[in-house]
PDB file of N, CA and C in Angstrom:
ATOM      1  N   MET A   1     116.913  81.923  95.965  1.00  0.00           N
ATOM      2  CA  MET A   1     116.754  82.936  96.983  1.00  0.00           C
ATOM      3  C   MET A   1     115.973  82.325  98.152  1.00  0.00           C
ATOM      4  N   ASP A   2     116.436  82.587  99.344  1.00  0.00           N
ATOM      5  CA  ASP A   2     115.784  81.974 100.506  1.00  0.00           C
ATOM      6  C   ASP A   2     114.499  82.706 100.881  1.00  0.00           C
ATOM      7  N   GLU A   3     113.665  82.034 101.650  1.00  0.00           N
ATOM      8  CA  GLU A   3     112.347  82.554 102.036  1.00  0.00           C
ATOM      9  C   GLU A   3     112.438  83.849 102.845  1.00  0.00           C
ATOM     10  N   LYS A   4     113.458  83.959 103.689  1.00  0.00           N
ATOM     11  CA  LYS A   4     113.616  85.154 104.516  1.00  0.00           C
ATOM     12  C   LYS A   4     113.859  86.384 103.632  1.00  0.00           C
ATOM     13  N   THR A   5     114.708  86.236 102.650  1.00  0.00           N
ATOM     14  CA  THR A   5     115.014  87.333 101.739  1.00  0.00           C
ATOM     15  C   THR A   5     113.785  87.721 100.929  1.00  0.00           C
ATOM     16  N   ILE A   6     113.078  86.730 100.433  1.00  0.00           N
ATOM     17  CA  ILE A   6     111.856  87.002  99.675  1.00  0.00           C
ATOM     18  C   ILE A   6     110.835  87.715 100.546  1.00  0.00           C
ATOM     19  N   SER A   7     110.709  87.288 101.784  1.00  0.00           N
ATOM     20  CA  SER A   7     109.776  87.920 102.719  1.00  0.00           C
ATOM     21  C   SER A   7     110.155  89.378 102.971  1.00  0.00           C
ATOM     22  N   GLU A   8     111.437  89.650 103.120  1.00  0.00           N
ATOM     23  CA  GLU A   8     111.905  91.027 103.335  1.00  0.00           C
ATOM     24  C   GLU A   8     111.611  91.899 102.114  1.00  0.00           C
ATOM     25  N   LEU A   9     111.861  91.351 100.932  1.00  0.00           N
ATOM     26  CA  LEU A   9     111.591  92.110  99.708  1.00  0.00           C
ATOM     27  C   LEU A   9     110.088  92.342  99.518  1.00  0.00           C
ATOM     28  N   LYS A  10     109.280  91.352  99.893  1.00  0.00           N
ATOM     29  CA  LYS A  10     107.831  91.507  99.801  1.00  0.00           C
ATOM     30  C   LYS A  10     107.358  92.614 100.734  1.00  0.00           C
ATOM     31  N   LYS A  11     107.890  92.653 101.952  1.00  0.00           N
ATOM     32  CA  LYS A  11     107.520  93.715 102.893  1.00  0.00           C
ATOM     33  C   LYS A  11     107.924  95.084 102.352  1.00  0.00           C
ATOM     34  N   LYS A  12     109.098  95.140 101.734  1.00  0.00           N
ATOM     35  CA  LYS A  12     109.566  96.391 101.136  1.00  0.00           C
ATOM     36  C   LYS A  12     108.607  96.835 100.024  1.00  0.00           C
ATOM     37  N   LEU A  13     108.190  95.901  99.185  1.00  0.00           N
ATOM     38  CA  LEU A  13     107.249  96.205  98.108  1.00  0.00           C
ATOM     39  C   LEU A  13     105.896  96.648  98.653  1.00  0.00           C
ATOM     40  N   GLU A  14     105.407  95.967  99.680  1.00  0.00           N
ATOM     41  CA  GLU A  14     104.111  96.331 100.265  1.00  0.00           C
ATOM     42  C   GLU A  14     104.162  97.720 100.888  1.00  0.00           C
ATOM     43  N   LYS A  15     105.277  98.051 101.511  1.00  0.00           N
ATOM     44  CA  LYS A  15     105.438  99.380 102.090  1.00  0.00           C
ATOM     45  C   LYS A  15     105.452 100.438 100.989  1.00  0.00           C
ATOM     46  N   GLU A  16     106.180 100.163  99.908  1.00  0.00           N
ATOM     47  CA  GLU A  16     106.218 101.107  98.795  1.00  0.00           C
ATOM     48  C   GLU A  16     104.829 101.263  98.177  1.00  0.00           C
ATOM     49  N   ARG A  17     104.107 100.152  98.028  1.00  0.00           N
ATOM     50  CA  ARG A  17     102.748 100.200  97.479  1.00  0.00           C
ATOM     51  C   ARG A  17     101.855 101.110  98.320  1.00  0.00           C
ATOM     52  N   ASP A  18     101.935 100.961  99.634  1.00  0.00           N
ATOM     53  CA  ASP A  18     101.113 101.779 100.522  1.00  0.00           C
ATOM     54  C   ASP A  18     101.486 103.257 100.427  1.00  0.00           C
ATOM     55  N   LEU A  19     102.774 103.554 100.311  1.00  0.00           N
ATOM     56  CA  LEU A  19     103.218 104.942 100.169  1.00  0.00           C
ATOM     57  C   LEU A  19     102.768 105.540  98.842  1.00  0.00           C
ATOM     58  N   LEU A  20     102.828 104.765  97.785  1.00  0.00           N
ATOM     59  CA  LEU A  20     102.378 105.243  96.477  1.00  0.00           C
ATOM     60  C   LEU A  20     100.892 105.569  96.509  1.00  0.00           C
ATOM     61  N   LYS A  21     100.098 104.693  97.104  1.00  0.00           N
ATOM     62  CA  LYS A  21      98.656 104.947  97.209  1.00  0.00           C
ATOM     63  C   LYS A  21      98.387 106.196  98.036  1.00  0.00           C
ATOM     64  N   LYS A  22      99.115 106.348  99.116  1.00  0.00           N
ATOM     65  CA  LYS A  22      98.958 107.520  99.983  1.00  0.00           C
ATOM     66  C   LYS A  22      99.304 108.803  99.225  1.00  0.00           C
ATOM     67  N   ASP A  23     100.389 108.775  98.463  1.00  0.00           N
ATOM     68  CA  ASP A  23     100.790 109.942  97.674  1.00  0.00           C
ATOM     69  C   ASP A  23      99.746 110.273  96.615  1.00  0.00           C
ATOM     70  N   LEU A  24      99.214 109.264  95.959  1.00  0.00           N
ATOM     71  CA  LEU A  24      98.201 109.493  94.931  1.00  0.00           C
ATOM     72  C   LEU A  24      96.940 110.125  95.516  1.00  0.00           C
ATOM     73  N   LEU A  25      96.552 109.688  96.700  1.00  0.00           N
ATOM     74  CA  LEU A  25      95.326 110.208  97.316  1.00  0.00           C
ATOM     75  C   LEU A  25      95.454 111.666  97.756  1.00  0.00           C
ATOM     76  N   LYS A  26      96.653 112.199  97.761  1.00  0.00           N
ATOM     77  CA  LYS A  26      96.842 113.605  98.116  1.00  0.00           C
ATOM     78  C   LYS A  26      96.261 114.537  97.060  1.00  0.00           C
ATOM     79  N   PHE A  27      96.200 114.077  95.804  1.00  0.00           N
ATOM     80  CA  PHE A  27      95.721 114.957  94.740  1.00  0.00           C
ATOM     81  C   PHE A  27      94.793 114.261  93.740  1.00  0.00           C
ATOM     82  N   ALA A  28      94.497 112.993  93.996  1.00  0.00           N
ATOM     83  CA  ALA A  28      93.654 112.241  93.066  1.00  0.00           C
ATOM     84  C   ALA A  28      92.669 111.380  93.850  1.00  0.00           C
ATOM     85  N   ASP A  29      91.587 111.027  93.169  1.00  0.00           N
ATOM     86  CA  ASP A  29      90.581 110.142  93.745  1.00  0.00           C
ATOM     87  C   ASP A  29      90.709 108.772  93.104  1.00  0.00           C
ATOM     88  N   LYS A  30      90.489 107.730  93.902  1.00  0.00           N
ATOM     89  CA  LYS A  30      90.545 106.363  93.379  1.00  0.00           C
ATOM     90  C   LYS A  30      89.385 106.156  92.420  1.00  0.00           C
ATOM     91  N   ASP A  31      89.687 105.618  91.269  1.00  0.00           N
ATOM     92  CA  ASP A  31      88.657 105.304  90.286  1.00  0.00           C
ATOM     93  C   ASP A  31      87.941 104.038  90.751  1.00  0.00           C
ATOM     94  N   LYS A  32      86.640 104.130  90.946  1.00  0.00           N
ATOM     95  CA  LYS A  32      85.873 103.007  91.477  1.00  0.00           C
ATOM     96  C   LYS A  32      85.682 101.894  90.445  1.00  0.00           C
ATOM     97  N   ARG A  33      85.867 102.218  89.162  1.00  0.00           N
ATOM     98  CA  ARG A  33      85.650 101.230  88.106  1.00  0.00           C
ATOM     99  C   ARG A  33      86.906 100.441  87.764  1.00  0.00           C
ATOM    100  N   LEU A  34      88.073 101.056  87.925  1.00  0.00           N
ATOM    101  CA  LEU A  34      89.321 100.407  87.541  1.00  0.00           C
ATOM    102  C   LEU A  34      90.226 100.239  88.751  1.00  0.00           C
ATOM    103  N   ASP A  35      90.732  99.049  88.916  1.00  0.00           N
ATOM    104  CA  ASP A  35      91.617  98.753  90.036  1.00  0.00           C
ATOM    105  C   ASP A  35      92.951  99.480  89.850  1.00  0.00           C
ATOM    106  N   ASN A  36      93.443 100.063  90.903  1.00  0.00           N
ATOM    107  CA  ASN A  36      94.724 100.777  90.911  1.00  0.00           C
ATOM    108  C   ASN A  36      94.793 101.917  89.907  1.00  0.00           C
ATOM    109  N   ASP A  37      93.652 102.539  89.647  1.00  0.00           N
ATOM    110  CA  ASP A  37      93.609 103.711  88.775  1.00  0.00           C
ATOM    111  C   ASP A  37      93.106 104.895  89.596  1.00  0.00           C
ATOM    112  N   TYR A  38      93.694 106.037  89.342  1.00  0.00           N
ATOM    113  CA  TYR A  38      93.341 107.240  90.074  1.00  0.00           C
ATOM    114  C   TYR A  38      93.022 108.344  89.082  1.00  0.00           C
ATOM    115  N   ASP A  39      92.173 109.274  89.492  1.00  0.00           N
ATOM    116  CA  ASP A  39      91.794 110.406  88.659  1.00  0.00           C
ATOM    117  C   ASP A  39      92.190 111.687  89.378  1.00  0.00           C
ATOM    118  N   THR A  40      93.073 112.435  88.756  1.00  0.00           N
ATOM    119  CA  THR A  40      93.549 113.677  89.340  1.00  0.00           C
ATOM    120  C   THR A  40      92.398 114.666  89.474  1.00  0.00           C
ATOM    121  N   ARG A  41      92.315 115.284  90.650  1.00  0.00           N
ATOM    122  CA  ARG A  41      91.315 116.326  90.880  1.00  0.00           C
ATOM    123  C   ARG A  41      91.811 117.630  90.262  1.00  0.00           C
ATOM    124  N   PHE A  42      90.919 118.336  89.601  1.00  0.00           N
ATOM    125  CA  PHE A  42      91.287 119.634  89.035  1.00  0.00           C
ATOM    126  C   PHE A  42      91.486 120.595  90.196  1.00  0.00           C
ATOM    127  N   PRO A  43      92.628 121.275  90.264  1.00  0.00           N
ATOM    128  CA  PRO A  43      92.908 122.148  91.401  1.00  0.00           C
ATOM    129  C   PRO A  43      92.048 123.403  91.388  1.00  0.00           C
ATOM    130  N   ASP A  44      91.652 123.814  92.564  1.00  0.00           N
ATOM    131  CA  ASP A  44      90.928 125.075  92.724  1.00  0.00           C
ATOM    132  C   ASP A  44      91.844 125.996  93.509  1.00  0.00           C
ATOM    133  N   LEU A  45      92.398 126.965  92.828  1.00  0.00           N
ATOM    134  CA  LEU A  45      93.379 127.834  93.465  1.00  0.00           C
ATOM    135  C   LEU A  45      92.762 129.006  94.213  1.00  0.00           C
ATOM    136  N   GLY A  46      91.481 128.976  94.399  1.00  0.00           N
ATOM    137  CA  GLY A  46      90.893 130.054  95.186  1.00  0.00           C
ATOM    138  C   GLY A  46      89.607 130.551  94.580  1.00  0.00           C
ATOM    139  N   GLY A  47      89.449 131.848  94.637  1.00  0.00           N
ATOM    140  CA  GLY A  47      88.218 132.531  94.237  1.00  0.00           C
ATOM    141  C   GLY A  47      87.718 132.170  92.862  1.00  0.00           C
ATOM    142  N   ARG A  48      86.590 132.706  92.561  1.00  0.00           N
ATOM    143  CA  ARG A  48      85.916 132.424  91.296  1.00  0.00           C
ATOM    144  C   ARG A  48      86.181 133.523  90.271  1.00  0.00           C
ATOM    145  N   SER A  49      87.369 134.011  90.255  1.00  0.00           N
ATOM    146  CA  SER A  49      87.756 135.031  89.298  1.00  0.00           C
ATOM    147  C   SER A  49      87.840 134.419  87.914  1.00  0.00           C
ATOM    148  N   SER A  50      87.550 135.214  86.935  1.00  0.00           N
ATOM    149  CA  SER A  50      87.681 134.713  85.570  1.00  0.00           C
ATOM    150  C   SER A  50      88.958 135.255  84.932  1.00  0.00           C
ATOM    151  N   ALA A  51      89.902 135.617  85.780  1.00  0.00           N
ATOM    152  CA  ALA A  51      91.168 136.145  85.282  1.00  0.00           C
ATOM    153  C   ALA A  51      91.907 135.047  84.526  1.00  0.00           C
ATOM    154  N   PRO A  52      92.334 135.346  83.306  1.00  0.00           N
ATOM    155  CA  PRO A  52      93.016 134.328  82.501  1.00  0.00           C
ATOM    156  C   PRO A  52      94.267 133.754  83.155  1.00  0.00           C
ATOM    157  N   ASP A  53      94.990 134.584  83.925  1.00  0.00           N
ATOM    158  CA  ASP A  53      96.203 134.062  84.540  1.00  0.00           C
ATOM    159  C   ASP A  53      95.896 133.039  85.624  1.00  0.00           C
ATOM    160  N   GLU A  54      94.777 133.215  86.354  1.00  0.00           N
ATOM    161  CA  GLU A  54      94.382 132.220  87.358  1.00  0.00           C
ATOM    162  C   GLU A  54      93.964 130.926  86.686  1.00  0.00           C
ATOM    163  N   ASP A  55      93.199 131.040  85.605  1.00  0.00           N
ATOM    164  CA  ASP A  55      92.779 129.852  84.868  1.00  0.00           C
ATOM    165  C   ASP A  55      94.001 129.116  84.327  1.00  0.00           C
ATOM    166  N   ALA A  56      94.959 129.860  83.814  1.00  0.00           N
ATOM    167  CA  ALA A  56      96.173 129.248  83.267  1.00  0.00           C
ATOM    168  C   ALA A  56      96.960 128.520  84.359  1.00  0.00           C
ATOM    169  N   GLU A  57      97.008 129.114  85.551  1.00  0.00           N
ATOM    170  CA  GLU A  57      97.711 128.464  86.671  1.00  0.00           C
ATOM    171  C   GLU A  57      97.040 127.147  87.037  1.00  0.00           C
ATOM    172  N   GLU A  58      95.690 127.167  87.067  1.00  0.00           N
ATOM    173  CA  GLU A  58      94.973 125.940  87.405  1.00  0.00           C
ATOM    174  C   GLU A  58      95.218 124.854  86.360  1.00  0.00           C
ATOM    175  N   VAL A  59      95.193 125.239  85.096  1.00  0.00           N
ATOM    176  CA  VAL A  59      95.423 124.265  84.029  1.00  0.00           C
ATOM    177  C   VAL A  59      96.843 123.730  84.093  1.00  0.00           C
ATOM    178  N   GLU A  60      97.813 124.610  84.305  1.00  0.00           N
ATOM    179  CA  GLU A  60      99.211 124.178  84.399  1.00  0.00           C
ATOM    180  C   GLU A  60      99.420 123.247  85.592  1.00  0.00           C
ATOM    181  N   SER A  61      98.819 123.606  86.710  1.00  0.00           N
ATOM    182  CA  SER A  61      98.926 122.765  87.902  1.00  0.00           C
ATOM    183  C   SER A  61      98.303 121.388  87.646  1.00  0.00           C
ATOM    184  N   TYR A  62      97.153 121.379  86.990  1.00  0.00           N
ATOM    185  CA  TYR A  62      96.474 120.123  86.668  1.00  0.00           C
ATOM    186  C   TYR A  62      97.336 119.263  85.742  1.00  0.00           C
ATOM    187  N   GLU A  63      97.913 119.874  84.727  1.00  0.00           N
ATOM    188  CA  GLU A  63      98.762 119.131  83.790  1.00  0.00           C
ATOM    189  C   GLU A  63      99.975 118.536  84.503  1.00  0.00           C
ATOM    190  N   ASN A  64     100.558 119.292  85.418  1.00  0.00           N
ATOM    191  CA  ASN A  64     101.697 118.786  86.188  1.00  0.00           C
ATOM    192  C   ASN A  64     101.289 117.597  87.051  1.00  0.00           C
ATOM    193  N   LEU A  65     100.112 117.702  87.670  1.00  0.00           N
ATOM    194  CA  LEU A  65      99.626 116.608  88.508  1.00  0.00           C
ATOM    195  C   LEU A  65      99.311 115.365  87.680  1.00  0.00           C
ATOM    196  N   LEU A  66      98.829 115.552  86.461  1.00  0.00           N
ATOM    197  CA  LEU A  66      98.563 114.400  85.593  1.00  0.00           C
ATOM    198  C   LEU A  66      99.841 113.622  85.318  1.00  0.00           C
ATOM    199  N   ALA A  67     100.931 114.352  85.101  1.00  0.00           N
ATOM    200  CA  ALA A  67     102.217 113.687  84.856  1.00  0.00           C
ATOM    201  C   ALA A  67     102.680 112.922  86.096  1.00  0.00           C
ATOM    202  N   VAL A  68     102.494 113.518  87.260  1.00  0.00           N
ATOM    203  CA  VAL A  68     102.866 112.851  88.515  1.00  0.00           C
ATOM    204  C   VAL A  68     101.983 111.627  88.729  1.00  0.00           C
ATOM    205  N   GLU A  69     100.687 111.777  88.471  1.00  0.00           N
ATOM    206  CA  GLU A  69      99.761 110.653  88.611  1.00  0.00           C
ATOM    207  C   GLU A  69     100.197 109.493  87.723  1.00  0.00           C
ATOM    208  N   TYR A  70     100.521 109.781  86.485  1.00  0.00           N
ATOM    209  CA  TYR A  70     100.939 108.742  85.551  1.00  0.00           C
ATOM    210  C   TYR A  70     102.179 108.005  86.070  1.00  0.00           C
ATOM    211  N   ALA A  71     103.163 108.752  86.527  1.00  0.00           N
ATOM    212  CA  ALA A  71     104.405 108.139  87.022  1.00  0.00           C
ATOM    213  C   ALA A  71     104.141 107.274  88.255  1.00  0.00           C
ATOM    214  N   LEU A  72     103.325 107.782  89.174  1.00  0.00           N
ATOM    215  CA  LEU A  72     103.018 107.018  90.390  1.00  0.00           C
ATOM    216  C   LEU A  72     102.195 105.775  90.073  1.00  0.00           C
ATOM    217  N   GLU A  73     101.232 105.897  89.165  1.00  0.00           N
ATOM    218  CA  GLU A  73     100.435 104.729  88.781  1.00  0.00           C
ATOM    219  C   GLU A  73     101.292 103.680  88.084  1.00  0.00           C
ATOM    220  N   LEU A  74     102.205 104.122  87.264  1.00  0.00           N
ATOM    221  CA  LEU A  74     103.101 103.192  86.577  1.00  0.00           C
ATOM    222  C   LEU A  74     103.958 102.424  87.586  1.00  0.00           C
ATOM    223  N   ARG A  75     104.505 103.143  88.547  1.00  0.00           N
ATOM    224  CA  ARG A  75     105.309 102.476  89.574  1.00  0.00           C
ATOM    225  C   ARG A  75     104.437 101.550  90.424  1.00  0.00           C
ATOM    226  N   LEU A  76     103.229 101.981  90.755  1.00  0.00           N
ATOM    227  CA  LEU A  76     102.311 101.143  91.526  1.00  0.00           C
ATOM    228  C   LEU A  76     102.021  99.839  90.775  1.00  0.00           C
ATOM    229  N   LYS A  77     101.853  99.927  89.481  1.00  0.00           N
ATOM    230  CA  LYS A  77     101.622  98.730  88.661  1.00  0.00           C
ATOM    231  C   LYS A  77     102.832  97.800  88.739  1.00  0.00           C
ATOM    232  N   GLU A  78     104.026  98.351  88.633  1.00  0.00           N
ATOM    233  CA  GLU A  78     105.243  97.538  88.705  1.00  0.00           C
ATOM    234  C   GLU A  78     105.356  96.845  90.062  1.00  0.00           C
ATOM    235  N   VAL A  79     105.062  97.576  91.117  1.00  0.00           N
ATOM    236  CA  VAL A  79     105.139  97.026  92.474  1.00  0.00           C
ATOM    237  C   VAL A  79     104.099  95.915  92.650  1.00  0.00           C
ATOM    238  N   ASN A  80     102.876  96.163  92.210  1.00  0.00           N
ATOM    239  CA  ASN A  80     101.825  95.150  92.335  1.00  0.00           C
ATOM    240  C   ASN A  80     102.163  93.888  91.541  1.00  0.00           C
ATOM    241  N   GLU A  81     102.756  94.065  90.370  1.00  0.00           N
ATOM    242  CA  GLU A  81     103.144  92.902  89.569  1.00  0.00           C
ATOM    243  C   GLU A  81     104.259  92.114  90.258  1.00  0.00           C
ATOM    244  N   ALA A  82     105.172  92.802  90.928  1.00  0.00           N
ATOM    245  CA  ALA A  82     106.238  92.114  91.659  1.00  0.00           C
ATOM    246  C   ALA A  82     105.660  91.316  92.832  1.00  0.00           C
ATOM    247  N   ILE A  83     104.716  91.907  93.539  1.00  0.00           N
ATOM    248  CA  ILE A  83     104.063  91.205  94.653  1.00  0.00           C
ATOM    249  C   ILE A  83     103.334  89.967  94.120  1.00  0.00           C
ATOM    250  N   LYS A  84     102.699  90.103  92.969  1.00  0.00           N
ATOM    251  CA  LYS A  84     102.005  88.973  92.350  1.00  0.00           C
ATOM    252  C   LYS A  84     102.998  87.868  91.984  1.00  0.00           C
ATOM    253  N   ARG A  85     104.165  88.253  91.447  1.00  0.00           N
ATOM    254  CA  ARG A  85     105.174  87.247  91.097  1.00  0.00           C
ATOM    255  C   ARG A  85     105.661  86.508  92.335  1.00  0.00           C
ATOM    256  N   ILE A  86     105.773  87.213  93.455  1.00  0.00           N
ATOM    257  CA  ILE A  86     106.179  86.554  94.706  1.00  0.00           C
ATOM    258  C   ILE A  86     105.127  85.521  95.102  1.00  0.00           C
ATOM    259  N   LYS A  87     103.864  85.917  95.049  1.00  0.00           N
ATOM    260  CA  LYS A  87     102.784  85.000  95.420  1.00  0.00           C
ATOM    261  C   LYS A  87     102.729  83.776  94.515  1.00  0.00           C
ATOM    262  N   GLU A  88     103.111  83.954  93.259  1.00  0.00           N
ATOM    263  CA  GLU A  88     103.076  82.856  92.284  1.00  0.00           C
ATOM    264  C   GLU A  88     104.398  82.082  92.228  1.00  0.00           C
ATOM    265  N   ASN A  89     105.309  82.386  93.154  1.00  0.00           N
ATOM    266  CA  ASN A  89     106.640  81.751  93.187  1.00  0.00           C
ATOM    267  C   ASN A  89     107.401  81.915  91.876  1.00  0.00           C
ATOM    268  N   ASN A  90     107.275  83.082  91.295  1.00  0.00           N
ATOM    269  CA  ASN A  90     107.941  83.369  90.028  1.00  0.00           C
ATOM    270  C   ASN A  90     108.717  84.684  90.122  1.00  0.00           C
ATOM    271  N   TYR A  91     109.279  84.943  91.275  1.00  0.00           N
ATOM    272  CA  TYR A  91     109.931  86.228  91.553  1.00  0.00           C
ATOM    273  C   TYR A  91     111.447  86.092  91.451  1.00  0.00           C
ATOM    274  N   GLY A  92     112.065  87.149  90.958  1.00  0.00           N
ATOM    275  CA  GLY A  92     113.520  87.208  90.962  1.00  0.00           C
ATOM    276  C   GLY A  92     114.187  86.645  89.730  1.00  0.00           C
ATOM    277  N   HIS A  93     113.402  86.390  88.685  1.00  0.00           N
ATOM    278  CA  HIS A  93     113.949  85.867  87.438  1.00  0.00           C
ATOM    279  C   HIS A  93     113.804  86.930  86.352  1.00  0.00           C
ATOM    280  N   CYS A  94     114.832  87.115  85.576  1.00  0.00           N
ATOM    281  CA  CYS A  94     114.814  88.080  84.474  1.00  0.00           C
ATOM    282  C   CYS A  94     113.775  87.646  83.445  1.00  0.00           C
ATOM    283  N   GLU A  95     112.925  88.574  83.038  1.00  0.00           N
ATOM    284  CA  GLU A  95     111.891  88.213  82.061  1.00  0.00           C
ATOM    285  C   GLU A  95     112.447  88.025  80.653  1.00  0.00           C
ATOM    286  N   ILE A  96     113.684  88.433  80.426  1.00  0.00           N
ATOM    287  CA  ILE A  96     114.285  88.277  79.094  1.00  0.00           C
ATOM    288  C   ILE A  96     115.141  87.014  79.020  1.00  0.00           C
ATOM    289  N   CYS A  97     116.151  86.929  79.870  1.00  0.00           N
ATOM    290  CA  CYS A  97     117.068  85.774  79.797  1.00  0.00           C
ATOM    291  C   CYS A  97     116.662  84.626  80.715  1.00  0.00           C
ATOM    292  N   LYS A  98     115.697  84.877  81.596  1.00  0.00           N
ATOM    293  CA  LYS A  98     115.136  83.855  82.510  1.00  0.00           C
ATOM    294  C   LYS A  98     116.095  83.428  83.625  1.00  0.00           C
ATOM    295  N   LYS A  99     117.242  84.067  83.728  1.00  0.00           N
ATOM    296  CA  LYS A  99     118.188  83.726  84.788  1.00  0.00           C
ATOM    297  C   LYS A  99     117.777  84.427  86.085  1.00  0.00           C
ATOM    298  N   ASP A 100     118.289  83.913  87.206  1.00  0.00           N
ATOM    299  CA  ASP A 100     118.043  84.554  88.494  1.00  0.00           C
ATOM    300  C   ASP A 100     118.716  85.918  88.512  1.00  0.00           C
ATOM    301  N   MET A 101     117.993  86.901  89.038  1.00  0.00           N
ATOM    302  CA  MET A 101     118.578  88.233  89.176  1.00  0.00           C
ATOM    303  C   MET A 101     119.428  88.283  90.436  1.00  0.00           C
ATOM    304  N   ARG A 102     120.429  89.118  90.400  1.00  0.00           N
ATOM    305  CA  ARG A 102     121.291  89.281  91.572  1.00  0.00           C
ATOM    306  C   ARG A 102     120.509  89.963  92.691  1.00  0.00           C
ATOM    307  N   LEU A 103     120.833  89.590  93.900  1.00  0.00           N
ATOM    308  CA  LEU A 103     120.145  90.127  95.064  1.00  0.00           C
ATOM    309  C   LEU A 103     120.332  91.635  95.182  1.00  0.00           C
ATOM    310  N   ASP A 104     121.525  92.141  94.873  1.00  0.00           N
ATOM    311  CA  ASP A 104     121.734  93.581  94.974  1.00  0.00           C
ATOM    312  C   ASP A 104     120.832  94.346  94.005  1.00  0.00           C
ATOM    313  N   ARG A 105     120.534  93.755  92.860  1.00  0.00           N
ATOM    314  CA  ARG A 105     119.605  94.360  91.894  1.00  0.00           C
ATOM    315  C   ARG A 105     118.216  94.448  92.506  1.00  0.00           C
ATOM    316  N   LEU A 106     117.760  93.385  93.135  1.00  0.00           N
ATOM    317  CA  LEU A 106     116.427  93.366  93.731  1.00  0.00           C
ATOM    318  C   LEU A 106     116.338  94.246  94.972  1.00  0.00           C
ATOM    319  N   LYS A 107     117.424  94.345  95.708  1.00  0.00           N
ATOM    320  CA  LYS A 107     117.411  95.240  96.873  1.00  0.00           C
ATOM    321  C   LYS A 107     117.348  96.698  96.438  1.00  0.00           C
ATOM    322  N   ALA A 108     117.971  97.017  95.305  1.00  0.00           N
ATOM    323  CA  ALA A 108     117.934  98.383  94.789  1.00  0.00           C
ATOM    324  C   ALA A 108     116.572  98.702  94.184  1.00  0.00           C
ATOM    325  N   ASN A 109     115.968  97.723  93.520  1.00  0.00           N
ATOM    326  CA  ASN A 109     114.650  97.901  92.903  1.00  0.00           C
ATOM    327  C   ASN A 109     113.922  96.571  92.997  1.00  0.00           C
ATOM    328  N   ALA A 110     113.157  96.415  94.055  1.00  0.00           N
ATOM    329  CA  ALA A 110     112.485  95.136  94.324  1.00  0.00           C
ATOM    330  C   ALA A 110     111.452  94.781  93.261  1.00  0.00           C
ATOM    331  N   ALA A 111     111.053  95.753  92.445  1.00  0.00           N
ATOM    332  CA  ALA A 111     110.078  95.499  91.387  1.00  0.00           C
ATOM    333  C   ALA A 111     110.736  95.258  90.033  1.00  0.00           C
ATOM    334  N   ALA A 112     112.051  95.142  90.006  1.00  0.00           N
ATOM    335  CA  ALA A 112     112.768  94.957  88.743  1.00  0.00           C
ATOM    336  C   ALA A 112     112.282  93.701  88.028  1.00  0.00           C
ATOM    337  N   THR A 113     112.235  93.792  86.706  1.00  0.00           N
ATOM    338  CA  THR A 113     111.797  92.648  85.908  1.00  0.00           C
ATOM    339  C   THR A 113     112.925  92.074  85.056  1.00  0.00           C
ATOM    340  N   THR A 114     114.034  92.800  84.973  1.00  0.00           N
ATOM    341  CA  THR A 114     115.164  92.335  84.170  1.00  0.00           C
ATOM    342  C   THR A 114     116.453  92.444  84.964  1.00  0.00           C
ATOM    343  N   CYS A 115     117.380  91.572  84.632  1.00  0.00           N
ATOM    344  CA  CYS A 115     118.705  91.657  85.241  1.00  0.00           C
ATOM    345  C   CYS A 115     119.432  92.863  84.653  1.00  0.00           C
ATOM    346  N   MET A 116     120.531  93.248  85.255  1.00  0.00           N
ATOM    347  CA  MET A 116     121.251  94.433  84.784  1.00  0.00           C
ATOM    348  C   MET A 116     121.812  94.247  83.380  1.00  0.00           C
ATOM    349  N   ILE A 117     122.233  93.065  83.042  1.00  0.00           N
ATOM    350  CA  ILE A 117     122.789  92.826  81.703  1.00  0.00           C
ATOM    351  C   ILE A 117     121.709  93.062  80.646  1.00  0.00           C
ATOM    352  N   CYS A 118     120.560  92.453  80.818  1.00  0.00           N
ATOM    353  CA  CYS A 118     119.465  92.637  79.858  1.00  0.00           C
ATOM    354  C   CYS A 118     118.932  94.069  79.891  1.00  0.00           C
ATOM    355  N   ASN A 119     118.890  94.654  81.065  1.00  0.00           N
ATOM    356  CA  ASN A 119     118.433  96.039  81.196  1.00  0.00           C
ATOM    357  C   ASN A 119     119.342  96.979  80.399  1.00  0.00           C
ATOM    358  N   ASN A 120     120.649  96.785  80.522  1.00  0.00           N
ATOM    359  CA  ASN A 120     121.594  97.631  79.800  1.00  0.00           C
ATOM    360  C   ASN A 120     121.526  97.395  78.293  1.00  0.00           C
ATOM    361  N   LYS A 121     121.312  96.158  77.876  1.00  0.00           N
ATOM    362  CA  LYS A 121     121.165  95.863  76.451  1.00  0.00           C
ATOM    363  C   LYS A 121     119.941  96.583  75.884  1.00  0.00           C
ATOM    364  N   ASN A 122     118.843  96.573  76.645  1.00  0.00           N
ATOM    365  CA  ASN A 122     117.620  97.259  76.211  1.00  0.00           C
ATOM    366  C   ASN A 122     117.857  98.759  76.065  1.00  0.00           C
ATOM    367  N   LYS A 123     118.572  99.336  77.002  1.00  0.00           N
ATOM    368  CA  LYS A 123     118.852 100.776  76.949  1.00  0.00           C
ATOM    369  C   LYS A 123     119.659 101.116  75.714  1.00  0.00           C
ATOM    370  N   LYS A 124     120.670 100.308  75.425  1.00  0.00           N
ATOM    371  CA  LYS A 124     121.528 100.565  74.249  1.00  0.00           C
ATOM    372  C   LYS A 124     120.739 100.425  72.954  1.00  0.00           C
ATOM    373  N   GLN A 125     119.830  99.473  72.889  1.00  0.00           N
ATOM    374  CA  GLN A 125     119.027  99.282  71.690  1.00  0.00           C
ATOM    375  C   GLN A 125     118.082 100.458  71.462  1.00  0.00           C
ATOM    376  N   LYS A 126     117.628 101.088  72.534  1.00  0.00           N
ATOM    377  CA  LYS A 126     116.693 102.214  72.411  1.00  0.00           C
ATOM    378  C   LYS A 126     117.391 103.513  72.041  1.00  0.00           C
ATOM    379  N   GLU A 127     118.705 103.556  72.203  1.00  0.00           N
ATOM    380  CA  GLU A 127     119.455 104.790  71.903  1.00  0.00           C
ATOM    381  C   GLU A 127     119.640 105.010  70.441  1.00  0.00           C
TER     382      GLU A 127
END
């Protein structure tokens, strides 16, 4: 893969990383002890009523945000690892078969770690 293509994919990854961090900060605080970890803020839906339905809404909202936080953090980890592989000149190779991944695969998911053949084999094995 040529340097221009790698540079374009790196910019794409950096942009995605910045968007993921921005999205996380909308409802979570950055954990000062752990890198790239966020802690979802418990939502305050208003007054200090002790109505069970309000408490239930806050808990449900919090649980939903935890799931979103987990998904965004997981993707952020994948993106950061891809950027690291670029810096280490180890980008674009399938972690299973070690072959070069196709460019269309990387353009679709610049953080991909496996080629489509190995990815599909993994999916079938998990079924």
